[in-house]
């Protein structure tokens, strides 16, 4: 929290418990994480540039290590999408990377999204995917993933099992 408060991009940082329910102790038994409400000037976000050009967020915008991660819906040609993204890059001096695009006939991302994973489960699962943990043969071991994240192999495997269970759904 101190690092966020010290950033010259941050206006205000509040603990969610303090903000929404000041009568509940911030460190109640069983709380493994703490949610924060971070307020910052709109000029420090790319949000308005996206929305004003017809991009509609499909899921919650994630912010990590100073980057915003968006899943958006827009009903335009690829050429028009590229043109609008280039406008945003120029206007906001932004680096924008497209990780994938789907046509309107493709099932919506919200049906196979990792939204319901904890932030740590998502981080571990996405790193595992990007690093080739799920390829055959594996390009990275659980121990190597653990080293990358400075976690134990047991913790990595626990996060992956929980993420996989959530993504695969209940037994039928």
C-alpha atoms as a PDB file:
ATOM      1  CA  UNK A   1       0.000   0.000   0.000  1.00  0.00           C
ATOM      2  CA  UNK A   2       2.875   2.347   0.784  1.00  0.00           C
ATOM      3  CA  UNK A   3       4.294   1.936  -2.737  1.00  0.00           C
ATOM      4  CA  UNK A   4       0.931   2.812  -4.277  1.00  0.00           C
ATOM      5  CA  UNK A   5       0.558   5.864  -2.048  1.00  0.00           C
ATOM      6  CA  UNK A   6       4.068   7.035  -2.942  1.00  0.00           C
ATOM      7  CA  UNK A   7       3.396   6.909  -6.693  1.00  0.00           C
ATOM      8  CA  UNK A   8       3.030  10.329  -8.279  1.00  0.00           C
ATOM      9  CA  UNK A   9       0.181   8.847 -10.345  1.00  0.00           C
ATOM     10  CA  UNK A  10      -1.941   8.033  -7.281  1.00  0.00           C
ATOM     11  CA  UNK A  11      -4.310  10.545  -5.696  1.00  0.00           C
ATOM     12  CA  UNK A  12      -5.908   8.502  -2.872  1.00  0.00           C
ATOM     13  CA  UNK A  13      -5.654   4.912  -1.584  1.00  0.00           C
ATOM     14  CA  UNK A  14      -8.313   3.451   0.711  1.00  0.00           C
ATOM     15  CA  UNK A  15      -8.839   0.003   2.158  1.00  0.00           C
ATOM     16  CA  UNK A  16     -12.170  -1.368   0.916  1.00  0.00           C
ATOM     17  CA  UNK A  17     -13.252  -2.362   4.440  1.00  0.00           C
ATOM     18  CA  UNK A  18     -12.474   1.128   5.748  1.00  0.00           C
ATOM     19  CA  UNK A  19     -14.250   2.733   2.800  1.00  0.00           C
ATOM     20  CA  UNK A  20     -17.401   0.595   2.601  1.00  0.00           C
ATOM     21  CA  UNK A  21     -17.725  -0.794   6.126  1.00  0.00           C
ATOM     22  CA  UNK A  22     -15.608   0.959   8.766  1.00  0.00           C
ATOM     23  CA  UNK A  23     -17.119  -1.262  11.513  1.00  0.00           C
ATOM     24  CA  UNK A  24     -15.412  -4.437  10.210  1.00  0.00           C
ATOM     25  CA  UNK A  25     -11.736  -4.818  11.170  1.00  0.00           C
ATOM     26  CA  UNK A  26      -9.469  -4.634   8.114  1.00  0.00           C
ATOM     27  CA  UNK A  27      -7.563  -7.723   9.168  1.00  0.00           C
ATOM     28  CA  UNK A  28     -10.455  -9.989  10.186  1.00  0.00           C
ATOM     29  CA  UNK A  29      -9.732 -13.668  10.721  1.00  0.00           C
ATOM     30  CA  UNK A  30      -9.698 -15.574   7.450  1.00  0.00           C
ATOM     31  CA  UNK A  31      -8.809 -12.601   5.241  1.00  0.00           C
ATOM     32  CA  UNK A  32      -5.801 -13.586   3.170  1.00  0.00           C
ATOM     33  CA  UNK A  33      -5.934 -10.563   0.885  1.00  0.00           C
ATOM     34  CA  UNK A  34      -6.802  -6.928   1.232  1.00  0.00           C
ATOM     35  CA  UNK A  35      -8.759  -5.037  -1.394  1.00  0.00           C
ATOM     36  CA  UNK A  36      -7.863  -1.445  -2.114  1.00  0.00           C
ATOM     37  CA  UNK A  37      -9.676   1.410  -3.796  1.00  0.00           C
ATOM     38  CA  UNK A  38      -7.129   3.483  -5.707  1.00  0.00           C
ATOM     39  CA  UNK A  39      -8.172   6.850  -7.064  1.00  0.00           C
ATOM     40  CA  UNK A  40      -6.109   8.566  -9.727  1.00  0.00           C
ATOM     41  CA  UNK A  41      -6.559  11.345 -12.263  1.00  0.00           C
ATOM     42  CA  UNK A  42      -8.276  10.287 -15.502  1.00  0.00           C
ATOM     43  CA  UNK A  43      -5.292  11.584 -17.470  1.00  0.00           C
ATOM     44  CA  UNK A  44      -3.356   8.627 -16.025  1.00  0.00           C
ATOM     45  CA  UNK A  45      -5.769   6.080 -17.527  1.00  0.00           C
ATOM     46  CA  UNK A  46      -6.441   5.011 -21.064  1.00  0.00           C
ATOM     47  CA  UNK A  47     -10.122   4.339 -20.227  1.00  0.00           C
ATOM     48  CA  UNK A  48     -11.685   7.412 -21.868  1.00  0.00           C
ATOM     49  CA  UNK A  49      -9.600   6.996 -25.019  1.00  0.00           C
ATOM     50  CA  UNK A  50     -10.917   3.440 -25.438  1.00  0.00           C
ATOM     51  CA  UNK A  51     -14.547   4.132 -24.582  1.00  0.00           C
ATOM     52  CA  UNK A  52     -14.768   7.266 -26.735  1.00  0.00           C
ATOM     53  CA  UNK A  53     -13.758   5.152 -29.752  1.00  0.00           C
ATOM     54  CA  UNK A  54     -16.427   2.507 -29.209  1.00  0.00           C
ATOM     55  CA  UNK A  55     -14.469  -0.077 -27.219  1.00  0.00           C
ATOM     56  CA  UNK A  56     -16.709  -1.482 -24.469  1.00  0.00           C
ATOM     57  CA  UNK A  57     -15.074  -3.332 -21.561  1.00  0.00           C
ATOM     58  CA  UNK A  58     -16.391  -6.918 -21.488  1.00  0.00           C
ATOM     59  CA  UNK A  59     -14.970  -7.712 -18.083  1.00  0.00           C
ATOM     60  CA  UNK A  60     -13.294  -5.940 -15.198  1.00  0.00           C
ATOM     61  CA  UNK A  61     -10.200  -3.982 -16.196  1.00  0.00           C
ATOM     62  CA  UNK A  62      -7.164  -5.443 -14.463  1.00  0.00           C
ATOM     63  CA  UNK A  63      -4.220  -3.282 -13.471  1.00  0.00           C
ATOM     64  CA  UNK A  64      -0.897  -4.895 -12.663  1.00  0.00           C
ATOM     65  CA  UNK A  65       2.627  -3.519 -12.528  1.00  0.00           C
ATOM     66  CA  UNK A  66       1.466  -0.219 -13.987  1.00  0.00           C
ATOM     67  CA  UNK A  67      -0.331  -1.795 -16.959  1.00  0.00           C
ATOM     68  CA  UNK A  68      -4.042  -1.990 -17.706  1.00  0.00           C
ATOM     69  CA  UNK A  69      -5.407  -5.243 -19.133  1.00  0.00           C
ATOM     70  CA  UNK A  70      -8.648  -4.966 -21.100  1.00  0.00           C
ATOM     71  CA  UNK A  71     -11.044  -7.417 -22.708  1.00  0.00           C
ATOM     72  CA  UNK A  72     -13.269  -5.332 -24.971  1.00  0.00           C
ATOM     73  CA  UNK A  73     -16.124  -5.668 -27.406  1.00  0.00           C
ATOM     74  CA  UNK A  74     -16.251  -3.585 -30.573  1.00  0.00           C
ATOM     75  CA  UNK A  75     -18.259  -4.212 -33.694  1.00  0.00           C
ATOM     76  CA  UNK A  76     -15.981  -2.850 -36.427  1.00  0.00           C
ATOM     77  CA  UNK A  77     -13.728  -4.240 -39.141  1.00  0.00           C
ATOM     78  CA  UNK A  78     -10.175  -5.239 -38.244  1.00  0.00           C
ATOM     79  CA  UNK A  79      -8.919  -2.297 -40.295  1.00  0.00           C
ATOM     80  CA  UNK A  80     -11.084   0.140 -38.342  1.00  0.00           C
ATOM     81  CA  UNK A  81     -10.065  -1.442 -35.028  1.00  0.00           C
ATOM     82  CA  UNK A  82      -6.382  -1.120 -35.958  1.00  0.00           C
ATOM     83  CA  UNK A  83      -6.932   2.519 -36.982  1.00  0.00           C
ATOM     84  CA  UNK A  84      -8.636   3.348 -33.672  1.00  0.00           C
ATOM     85  CA  UNK A  85      -5.951   1.577 -31.669  1.00  0.00           C
ATOM     86  CA  UNK A  86      -3.293   3.556 -33.504  1.00  0.00           C
ATOM     87  CA  UNK A  87      -5.152   6.793 -32.627  1.00  0.00           C
ATOM     88  CA  UNK A  88      -5.101   5.765 -28.961  1.00  0.00           C
ATOM     89  CA  UNK A  89      -1.402   4.896 -29.146  1.00  0.00           C
ATOM     90  CA  UNK A  90      -0.640   8.351 -30.537  1.00  0.00           C
ATOM     91  CA  UNK A  91      -2.978  10.315 -28.250  1.00  0.00           C
ATOM     92  CA  UNK A  92      -1.984   8.574 -25.031  1.00  0.00           C
ATOM     93  CA  UNK A  93       1.622   7.683 -25.929  1.00  0.00           C
ATOM     94  CA  UNK A  94       0.536   4.136 -25.129  1.00  0.00           C
ATOM     95  CA  UNK A  95       1.928   0.714 -25.849  1.00  0.00           C
ATOM     96  CA  UNK A  96      -1.031  -1.472 -26.857  1.00  0.00           C
ATOM     97  CA  UNK A  97      -0.622  -5.179 -27.465  1.00  0.00           C
ATOM     98  CA  UNK A  98      -3.441  -7.325 -28.850  1.00  0.00           C
ATOM     99  CA  UNK A  99      -3.448 -10.800 -27.371  1.00  0.00           C
ATOM    100  CA  UNK A 100      -6.335 -12.087 -29.465  1.00  0.00           C
ATOM    101  CA  UNK A 101      -9.420 -11.185 -31.462  1.00  0.00           C
ATOM    102  CA  UNK A 102     -12.691 -13.031 -31.996  1.00  0.00           C
ATOM    103  CA  UNK A 103     -15.388 -12.629 -34.587  1.00  0.00           C
ATOM    104  CA  UNK A 104     -18.998 -11.932 -33.533  1.00  0.00           C
ATOM    105  CA  UNK A 105     -19.795 -15.605 -34.203  1.00  0.00           C
ATOM    106  CA  UNK A 106     -17.229 -16.782 -31.649  1.00  0.00           C
ATOM    107  CA  UNK A 107     -18.450 -17.549 -28.142  1.00  0.00           C
ATOM    108  CA  UNK A 108     -17.977 -14.582 -25.843  1.00  0.00           C
ATOM    109  CA  UNK A 109     -14.831 -14.556 -23.715  1.00  0.00           C
ATOM    110  CA  UNK A 110     -16.888 -14.187 -20.566  1.00  0.00           C
ATOM    111  CA  UNK A 111     -17.851 -17.854 -20.801  1.00  0.00           C
ATOM    112  CA  UNK A 112     -14.277 -19.080 -20.652  1.00  0.00           C
ATOM    113  CA  UNK A 113     -12.615 -16.255 -18.796  1.00  0.00           C
ATOM    114  CA  UNK A 114     -10.407 -16.480 -15.741  1.00  0.00           C
ATOM    115  CA  UNK A 115     -12.410 -13.756 -13.969  1.00  0.00           C
ATOM    116  CA  UNK A 116     -13.437 -15.992 -11.109  1.00  0.00           C
ATOM    117  CA  UNK A 117      -9.858 -16.914 -10.215  1.00  0.00           C
ATOM    118  CA  UNK A 118      -8.092 -15.092  -7.413  1.00  0.00           C
ATOM    119  CA  UNK A 119      -5.462 -12.620  -8.612  1.00  0.00           C
ATOM    120  CA  UNK A 120      -2.679 -15.003  -7.544  1.00  0.00           C
ATOM    121  CA  UNK A 121      -4.333 -18.021  -9.213  1.00  0.00           C
ATOM    122  CA  UNK A 122      -4.712 -15.994 -12.419  1.00  0.00           C
ATOM    123  CA  UNK A 123      -1.074 -14.859 -12.255  1.00  0.00           C
ATOM    124  CA  UNK A 124       0.216 -18.408 -11.773  1.00  0.00           C
ATOM    125  CA  UNK A 125      -2.134 -19.931 -14.356  1.00  0.00           C
ATOM    126  CA  UNK A 126      -1.360 -17.306 -17.025  1.00  0.00           C
ATOM    127  CA  UNK A 127       2.387 -17.596 -16.434  1.00  0.00           C
ATOM    128  CA  UNK A 128       2.080 -21.384 -16.695  1.00  0.00           C
ATOM    129  CA  UNK A 129       0.215 -21.039 -20.010  1.00  0.00           C
ATOM    130  CA  UNK A 130       2.635 -18.457 -21.439  1.00  0.00           C
ATOM    131  CA  UNK A 131       5.684 -20.437 -20.315  1.00  0.00           C
ATOM    132  CA  UNK A 132       4.594 -23.726 -21.887  1.00  0.00           C
ATOM    133  CA  UNK A 133       3.609 -25.630 -18.749  1.00  0.00           C
ATOM    134  CA  UNK A 134       0.537 -27.017 -20.530  1.00  0.00           C
ATOM    135  CA  UNK A 135       2.320 -28.018 -23.748  1.00  0.00           C
ATOM    136  CA  UNK A 136       3.472 -31.540 -24.518  1.00  0.00           C
ATOM    137  CA  UNK A 137       6.217 -32.025 -23.713  1.00  0.00           C
ATOM    138  CA  UNK A 138       6.290 -29.356 -21.023  1.00  0.00           C
ATOM    139  CA  UNK A 139       8.572 -26.432 -21.735  1.00  0.00           C
ATOM    140  CA  UNK A 140       8.783 -25.475 -18.052  1.00  0.00           C
ATOM    141  CA  UNK A 141       8.447 -27.442 -14.819  1.00  0.00           C
ATOM    142  CA  UNK A 142       6.470 -26.516 -11.713  1.00  0.00           C
ATOM    143  CA  UNK A 143       9.802 -25.962  -9.933  1.00  0.00           C
ATOM    144  CA  UNK A 144      10.910 -23.493 -12.614  1.00  0.00           C
ATOM    145  CA  UNK A 145       7.560 -21.674 -12.380  1.00  0.00           C
ATOM    146  CA  UNK A 146       8.023 -21.529  -8.616  1.00  0.00           C
ATOM    147  CA  UNK A 147      11.476 -19.985  -9.068  1.00  0.00           C
ATOM    148  CA  UNK A 148      10.082 -17.328 -11.443  1.00  0.00           C
ATOM    149  CA  UNK A 149       7.481 -16.278  -8.874  1.00  0.00           C
ATOM    150  CA  UNK A 150       9.651 -16.825  -5.786  1.00  0.00           C
ATOM    151  CA  UNK A 151       7.153 -19.372  -4.419  1.00  0.00           C
ATOM    152  CA  UNK A 152       7.467 -22.992  -3.386  1.00  0.00           C
ATOM    153  CA  UNK A 153       6.678 -25.762  -5.861  1.00  0.00           C
ATOM    154  CA  UNK A 154       3.884 -26.931  -3.530  1.00  0.00           C
ATOM    155  CA  UNK A 155       2.282 -23.472  -3.565  1.00  0.00           C
ATOM    156  CA  UNK A 156       2.486 -23.282  -7.377  1.00  0.00           C
ATOM    157  CA  UNK A 157       0.841 -26.681  -7.740  1.00  0.00           C
ATOM    158  CA  UNK A 158      -1.888 -25.719  -5.265  1.00  0.00           C
ATOM    159  CA  UNK A 159      -2.665 -22.516  -7.195  1.00  0.00           C
ATOM    160  CA  UNK A 160      -2.731 -24.444 -10.490  1.00  0.00           C
ATOM    161  CA  UNK A 161      -4.999 -27.181  -9.110  1.00  0.00           C
ATOM    162  CA  UNK A 162      -7.452 -24.646  -7.697  1.00  0.00           C
ATOM    163  CA  UNK A 163      -7.432 -22.627 -10.939  1.00  0.00           C
ATOM    164  CA  UNK A 164      -7.917 -25.742 -13.052  1.00  0.00           C
ATOM    165  CA  UNK A 165     -10.796 -26.914 -10.839  1.00  0.00           C
ATOM    166  CA  UNK A 166     -12.541 -23.544 -11.206  1.00  0.00           C
ATOM    167  CA  UNK A 167     -11.954 -23.404 -14.962  1.00  0.00           C
ATOM    168  CA  UNK A 168     -13.072 -26.972 -15.599  1.00  0.00           C
ATOM    169  CA  UNK A 169     -16.214 -26.578 -13.503  1.00  0.00           C
ATOM    170  CA  UNK A 170     -17.952 -29.037 -11.194  1.00  0.00           C
ATOM    171  CA  UNK A 171     -17.997 -32.799 -11.776  1.00  0.00           C
ATOM    172  CA  UNK A 172     -20.956 -33.971 -13.804  1.00  0.00           C
END
